């Protein structure tokens, strides 16, 4: 259960819930687009749990430009 800490934020609980709901409505492909910068860092980074999770997540996604770039980075191909 989410509890808003009034000391840590000036947002109302309703505002925070609306933001959270907007993220939960993203498709898998929408998430790739939304967090592409961070996902590129993971894909180009060292082997480990984050990269493994990204590989599994990409297997569930439809083909998009972001997915193809991330798969290339995971395979060791530099971005062009």
Protein backbone atom coordinates (compact mmCIF):
# COMPACT_ATOMS: atom_id res chain seq x y z
CA UNK A 1 0.00 0.00 0.00
CA UNK A 2 1.37 3.39 -1.00
CA UNK A 3 1.58 6.05 1.70
CA UNK A 4 2.49 9.63 0.78
CA UNK A 5 5.02 11.29 3.09
CA UNK A 6 3.91 14.94 3.36
CA UNK A 7 7.36 15.91 4.64
CA UNK A 8 9.00 14.60 1.46
CA UNK A 9 6.66 16.06 -1.14
CA UNK A 10 4.37 18.99 -1.81
CA UNK A 11 2.23 16.84 -4.12
CA UNK A 12 -1.15 15.65 -3.02
CA UNK A 13 -1.84 11.92 -2.79
CA UNK A 14 -4.22 12.29 -5.76
CA UNK A 15 -1.48 13.87 -7.90
CA UNK A 16 0.97 11.10 -7.06
CA UNK A 17 -1.63 8.41 -7.80
CA UNK A 18 -2.38 10.00 -11.19
CA UNK A 19 1.33 9.96 -12.08
CA UNK A 20 1.68 6.34 -10.91
CA UNK A 21 -1.41 5.31 -12.88
CA UNK A 22 -0.01 6.90 -16.05
CA UNK A 23 3.09 4.70 -15.74
CA UNK A 24 1.13 1.53 -15.15
CA UNK A 25 -0.83 2.19 -18.35
CA UNK A 26 2.33 2.12 -20.49
CA UNK A 27 2.70 -0.79 -22.86
CA UNK A 28 5.96 -2.70 -22.83
CA UNK A 29 6.97 -0.84 -25.99
CA UNK A 30 5.93 2.46 -24.42
CA UNK A 31 8.19 1.73 -21.47
CA UNK A 32 11.11 1.09 -23.85
CA UNK A 33 10.51 4.49 -25.39
CA UNK A 34 9.94 6.27 -22.07
CA UNK A 35 13.07 4.92 -20.32
CA UNK A 36 15.23 4.42 -23.41
CA UNK A 37 18.22 6.44 -22.12
CA UNK A 38 18.54 4.35 -18.94
CA UNK A 39 17.88 1.08 -20.77
CA UNK A 40 20.71 1.88 -23.20
CA UNK A 41 23.05 2.27 -20.23
CA UNK A 42 21.97 -1.12 -18.90
CA UNK A 43 22.33 -2.80 -22.31
CA UNK A 44 25.81 -1.36 -22.85
CA UNK A 45 26.91 -2.05 -19.28
CA UNK A 46 28.65 -5.02 -17.74
CA UNK A 47 27.01 -8.46 -17.58
CA UNK A 48 24.80 -8.94 -14.56
CA UNK A 49 21.24 -9.19 -13.27
CA UNK A 50 20.08 -5.93 -14.87
CA UNK A 51 21.19 -7.01 -18.34
CA UNK A 52 19.64 -10.45 -17.85
CA UNK A 53 16.33 -8.87 -16.83
CA UNK A 54 16.46 -6.56 -19.84
CA UNK A 55 17.03 -9.51 -22.18
CA UNK A 56 14.00 -11.31 -20.73
CA UNK A 57 11.87 -8.14 -20.95
CA UNK A 58 12.84 -7.52 -24.58
CA UNK A 59 11.73 -11.05 -25.48
CA UNK A 60 8.20 -9.99 -24.49
CA UNK A 61 8.23 -6.78 -26.57
CA UNK A 62 7.16 -6.24 -30.15
CA UNK A 63 9.79 -5.08 -32.62
CA UNK A 64 10.42 -1.34 -32.29
CA UNK A 65 13.44 0.83 -33.12
CA UNK A 66 14.25 0.99 -29.40
CA UNK A 67 14.10 -2.79 -29.02
CA UNK A 68 16.39 -3.34 -32.00
CA UNK A 69 18.96 -0.86 -30.65
CA UNK A 70 18.88 -2.41 -27.19
CA UNK A 71 19.25 -5.93 -28.62
CA UNK A 72 22.23 -4.73 -30.63
CA UNK A 73 23.87 -3.24 -27.55
CA UNK A 74 23.25 -6.46 -25.62
CA UNK A 75 24.91 -8.38 -28.45
CA UNK A 76 27.94 -6.09 -28.27
CA UNK A 77 27.24 -4.09 -31.39
CA UNK A 78 27.93 -0.34 -31.01
CA UNK A 79 25.16 2.15 -31.75
CA UNK A 80 25.36 3.74 -35.16
